[in-house]
Amino acid sequence: MGNRAKQNYLENKYVEIWIEDGIIFEVFKPGTVINLEAGRKVVADRLKVSDHTTMPLFVDMRQLLSINKETRRYMASKEALHYLSAGAFLVKSTINRLAFNAFQVLSNPPIPTKGFTNKEKALNWLKYIKNVN
């Protein structure tokens, strides 16, 4: 990646968010539990970081402890995915990725989304999506 500087860095008690090479990054903190209120906070802070500019999203979910069904539904909604062109989600294991992909099919998010167990593959997919659009 060219410029590796973190731009527009913001941190809350759930996640670190920044922009790097035209991709917005969200890295969940260890042991994080996300309920609807926390999910809304993460989305609001992401919108601040992105300054309402559309770009792809990389989410590192490996340290996320849990997220309830209502919040998963919200996070897959048009409202929560506003200003995103695609979403790559880094998970711990192949089983987590399969579970994520099953949820994705059920929730039918309005943007391309995909689960990964390899960060490099996730970022390469986002770069591909970014260059296609």
Protein backbone atom coordinates (compact mmCIF):
# COMPACT_ATOMS: atom_id res chain seq x y z
CA MET A 1 0.00 0.00 0.00
CA GLY A 2 1.29 3.45 -0.87
CA ASN A 3 0.75 6.01 1.91
CA ARG A 4 0.45 3.99 5.13
CA ALA A 5 -0.51 6.98 7.29
CA LYS A 6 -3.68 6.70 9.34
CA GLN A 7 -5.93 9.63 8.46
CA ASN A 8 -8.86 10.98 10.51
CA TYR A 9 -8.11 8.58 13.39
CA LEU A 10 -10.88 8.23 15.98
CA GLU A 11 -11.19 5.86 18.92
CA ASN A 12 -14.11 5.03 21.20
CA LYS A 13 -14.51 2.30 23.82
CA TYR A 14 -15.50 -0.27 21.17
CA VAL A 15 -13.36 0.35 18.12
CA GLU A 16 -10.53 2.25 16.46
CA ILE A 17 -11.46 3.88 13.13
CA TRP A 18 -9.27 5.54 10.51
CA ILE A 19 -8.76 5.96 6.77
CA GLU A 20 -5.75 4.46 5.01
CA ASP A 21 -5.23 4.44 1.24
CA GLY A 22 -8.87 5.32 0.55
CA ILE A 23 -10.22 2.51 2.75
CA ILE A 24 -11.92 3.07 6.09
CA PHE A 25 -10.70 0.72 8.82
CA GLU A 26 -12.61 -0.39 11.91
CA VAL A 27 -10.70 -2.54 14.39
CA PHE A 28 -12.75 -3.79 17.33
CA LYS A 29 -11.07 -3.81 20.73
CA PRO A 30 -10.51 -7.08 22.65
CA GLY A 31 -13.58 -8.45 24.43
CA THR A 32 -15.98 -5.94 22.86
CA VAL A 33 -19.71 -6.63 23.19
CA ILE A 34 -21.86 -4.69 20.74
CA ASN A 35 -25.50 -3.90 21.46
CA LEU A 36 -27.70 -1.56 19.41
CA GLU A 37 -26.53 1.58 21.23
CA ALA A 38 -22.87 0.62 20.71
CA GLY A 39 -23.56 -0.22 17.05
CA ARG A 40 -25.11 3.20 16.49
CA LYS A 41 -22.05 4.83 18.14
CA VAL A 42 -19.66 2.89 15.88
CA VAL A 43 -21.63 3.93 12.77
CA ALA A 44 -21.83 7.60 13.88
CA ASP A 45 -18.08 7.68 14.54
CA ARG A 46 -17.35 6.01 11.19
CA LEU A 47 -19.39 8.71 9.47
CA LYS A 48 -17.34 11.38 11.29
CA VAL A 49 -14.08 9.74 10.19
CA SER A 50 -15.21 9.33 6.57
CA ASP A 51 -16.65 12.87 6.51
CA HIS A 52 -19.63 11.38 4.65
CA THR A 53 -17.43 10.29 1.73
CA THR A 54 -18.21 6.95 0.09
CA MET A 55 -15.40 4.40 0.35
CA PRO A 56 -14.86 0.69 1.06
CA LEU A 57 -14.78 -0.57 4.66
CA PHE A 58 -12.41 -3.07 6.29
CA VAL A 59 -13.60 -4.41 9.66
CA ASP A 60 -11.34 -6.48 11.91
CA MET A 61 -13.84 -8.47 13.99
CA ARG A 62 -11.35 -10.95 15.45
CA GLN A 63 -11.47 -9.40 18.96
CA LEU A 64 -15.25 -8.84 18.95
CA LEU A 65 -16.77 -10.98 21.69
CA SER A 66 -20.43 -10.74 20.68
CA ILE A 67 -23.03 -8.78 18.77
CA ASN A 68 -26.75 -9.43 19.21
CA LYS A 69 -29.20 -10.22 16.41
CA GLU A 70 -30.93 -6.81 16.51
CA THR A 71 -27.57 -5.06 16.18
CA ARG A 72 -26.40 -7.34 13.36
CA ARG A 73 -29.61 -6.46 11.51
CA TYR A 74 -29.00 -2.74 12.08
CA MET A 75 -25.34 -2.99 10.99
CA ALA A 76 -26.48 -4.58 7.69
CA SER A 77 -29.12 -1.88 7.06
CA LYS A 78 -28.97 0.86 4.43
CA GLU A 79 -28.77 3.43 7.24
CA ALA A 80 -25.68 1.82 8.82
CA LEU A 81 -23.98 1.15 5.47
CA HIS A 82 -24.55 4.65 4.08
CA TYR A 83 -21.41 6.04 2.37
CA LEU A 84 -19.87 2.57 2.00
CA SER A 85 -19.11 0.99 -1.37
CA ALA A 86 -18.18 -2.49 0.00
CA GLY A 87 -17.35 -4.24 3.25
CA ALA A 88 -14.62 -6.82 4.00
CA PHE A 89 -14.87 -8.45 7.42
CA LEU A 90 -11.85 -10.15 8.98
CA VAL A 91 -12.87 -13.02 11.29
CA LYS A 92 -10.92 -15.52 13.42
CA SER A 93 -11.53 -18.79 11.64
CA THR A 94 -13.07 -20.47 8.65
CA ILE A 95 -16.07 -21.41 10.82
CA ASN A 96 -16.55 -17.73 11.77
CA ARG A 97 -16.27 -16.79 8.09
CA LEU A 98 -18.90 -19.36 7.11
CA ALA A 99 -21.21 -18.08 9.86
CA PHE A 100 -20.63 -14.50 8.68
CA ASN A 101 -21.33 -15.44 5.06
CA ALA A 102 -24.57 -17.21 6.10
CA PHE A 103 -25.67 -14.10 8.02
CA GLN A 104 -24.78 -11.96 5.02
CA VAL A 105 -27.05 -14.02 2.77
CA LEU A 106 -29.92 -13.73 5.27
CA SER A 107 -29.49 -9.99 5.90
CA ASN A 108 -28.90 -9.12 2.23
CA PRO A 109 -26.83 -5.94 2.76
CA PRO A 110 -27.19 -3.29 0.02
CA ILE A 111 -23.43 -3.31 -0.77
CA PRO A 112 -20.97 -6.11 -1.67
CA THR A 113 -19.76 -7.74 1.58
CA LYS A 114 -17.50 -10.68 2.21
CA GLY A 115 -15.93 -12.46 5.20
CA PHE A 116 -12.21 -13.28 5.26
CA THR A 117 -9.73 -15.05 7.52
CA ASN A 118 -6.75 -13.42 5.74
CA LYS A 119 -6.22 -9.64 6.03
CA GLU A 120 -4.22 -9.34 2.81
CA LYS A 121 -6.94 -11.10 0.80
CA ALA A 122 -9.59 -8.85 2.34
CA LEU A 123 -7.68 -5.68 1.47
CA ASN A 124 -6.93 -6.92 -2.05
CA TRP A 125 -10.66 -7.60 -2.57
CA LEU A 126 -11.51 -4.07 -1.36
CA LYS A 127 -8.89 -2.55 -3.68
CA TYR A 128 -10.39 -4.51 -6.56
CA ILE A 129 -13.92 -3.27 -5.68
CA LYS A 130 -12.61 0.29 -5.28
CA ASN A 131 -10.96 0.20 -8.72
CA VAL A 132 -14.02 -1.32 -10.43
CA ASN A 133 -16.33 1.45 -9.15
